[in-house]
Amino acid sequence: MSSSKPIRVLEVQTKECLFSCDHEELDRAYEFAKQMEELGIEVEIESPSAAESLATSLGASTEELAREMEEEMASHECDGCSTTPLQ
């Protein structure tokens, strides 16, 4: 597997990882999930976000990514601009 966070197929209730693969094999994860659901096993697919994948590929840690994203969001905060509903 690559250095990025893998895609995982998890059983919904226990969060047990039933299948894991690289991002390049996303189709295999969806096929596995489909097979599990056909057997009556509820699953969810957990995959890294685009930002997380990019940061990891550039060598940043998840802690660095989280800090950078928080700083970026904080730099754009203003009074009510993100909470005012459109009318």
Protein backbone atom coordinates (compact mmCIF):
# COMPACT_ATOMS: atom_id res chain seq x y z
CA MET A 1 0.00 0.00 0.00
CA SER A 2 1.04 3.59 -0.50
CA SER A 3 1.87 6.01 2.29
CA SER A 4 -1.59 7.62 2.14
CA LYS A 5 -4.45 6.59 4.38
CA PRO A 6 -6.17 3.48 2.96
CA ILE A 7 -9.78 3.16 1.92
CA ARG A 8 -11.57 0.89 4.37
CA VAL A 9 -14.86 -0.98 4.34
CA LEU A 10 -16.23 -1.05 7.90
CA GLU A 11 -19.05 -3.03 9.47
CA VAL A 12 -21.51 -0.32 10.58
CA GLN A 13 -22.19 -1.37 14.18
CA THR A 14 -18.76 -2.61 15.31
CA LYS A 15 -16.63 -0.40 13.01
CA GLU A 16 -14.54 -3.51 12.32
CA CYS A 17 -12.46 -3.18 9.16
CA LEU A 18 -13.56 -5.90 6.74
CA PHE A 19 -11.54 -4.75 3.72
CA SER A 20 -8.77 -2.23 3.07
CA CYS A 21 -7.10 -1.02 -0.12
CA ASP A 22 -5.24 1.86 -1.77
CA HIS A 23 -7.10 4.77 -3.34
CA GLU A 24 -6.22 3.39 -6.79
CA GLU A 25 -8.35 0.32 -5.99
CA LEU A 26 -11.51 2.20 -5.00
CA ASP A 27 -13.62 0.04 -7.32
CA ARG A 28 -12.59 -3.07 -5.37
CA ALA A 29 -13.79 -1.46 -2.12
CA TYR A 30 -17.20 -0.67 -3.64
CA GLU A 31 -17.49 -4.18 -5.09
CA PHE A 32 -16.64 -5.70 -1.70
CA ALA A 33 -19.19 -3.43 0.02
CA LYS A 34 -21.84 -4.50 -2.49
CA GLN A 35 -21.10 -8.17 -1.79
CA MET A 36 -21.35 -7.63 1.98
CA GLU A 37 -24.69 -5.82 1.63
CA GLU A 38 -26.01 -8.65 -0.55
CA LEU A 39 -25.17 -10.96 2.37
CA GLY A 40 -27.11 -8.67 4.72
CA ILE A 41 -24.06 -7.08 6.37
CA GLU A 42 -24.36 -3.31 6.71
CA VAL A 43 -21.11 -1.59 5.79
CA GLU A 44 -19.75 1.89 5.20
CA ILE A 45 -16.80 3.01 3.14
CA GLU A 46 -14.25 5.25 4.86
CA SER A 47 -11.88 7.11 2.58
CA PRO A 48 -9.56 10.08 3.00
CA SER A 49 -10.74 13.48 1.78
CA ALA A 50 -9.19 15.06 -1.29
CA ALA A 51 -7.35 17.56 0.94
CA GLU A 52 -6.01 14.78 3.16
CA SER A 53 -4.86 12.73 0.15
CA LEU A 54 -3.12 15.75 -1.36
CA ALA A 55 -1.42 16.73 1.89
CA THR A 56 -0.23 13.16 2.50
CA SER A 57 1.13 12.87 -1.04
CA LEU A 58 3.05 16.12 -0.45
CA GLY A 59 4.52 14.76 2.79
CA ALA A 60 2.40 16.58 5.38
CA SER A 61 1.17 14.78 8.49
CA THR A 62 -2.51 14.65 9.41
CA GLU A 63 -1.74 16.91 12.38
CA GLU A 64 -0.18 19.49 10.07
CA LEU A 65 -3.15 19.24 7.74
CA ALA A 66 -5.66 19.74 10.56
CA ARG A 67 -3.75 22.77 11.88
CA GLU A 68 -3.43 24.35 8.42
CA MET A 69 -7.12 23.84 7.68
CA GLU A 70 -8.15 25.37 11.03
CA GLU A 71 -5.89 28.37 10.42
CA GLU A 72 -7.27 28.83 6.89
CA MET A 73 -10.90 28.68 8.05
CA ALA A 74 -10.19 31.07 10.94
CA SER A 75 -8.62 33.57 8.55
CA HIS A 76 -11.93 33.78 6.64
CA GLU A 77 -14.28 34.20 9.59
CA CYS A 78 -16.45 37.28 9.74
CA ASP A 79 -19.56 38.34 11.65
CA GLY A 80 -22.43 36.20 10.44
CA CYS A 81 -21.23 35.68 6.90
CA SER A 82 -21.21 31.90 7.15
CA THR A 83 -24.28 31.52 9.33
CA THR A 84 -26.73 33.89 7.62
CA PRO A 85 -29.23 31.84 5.61
CA LEU A 86 -29.99 32.87 2.04
CA GLN A 87 -33.44 34.35 1.58
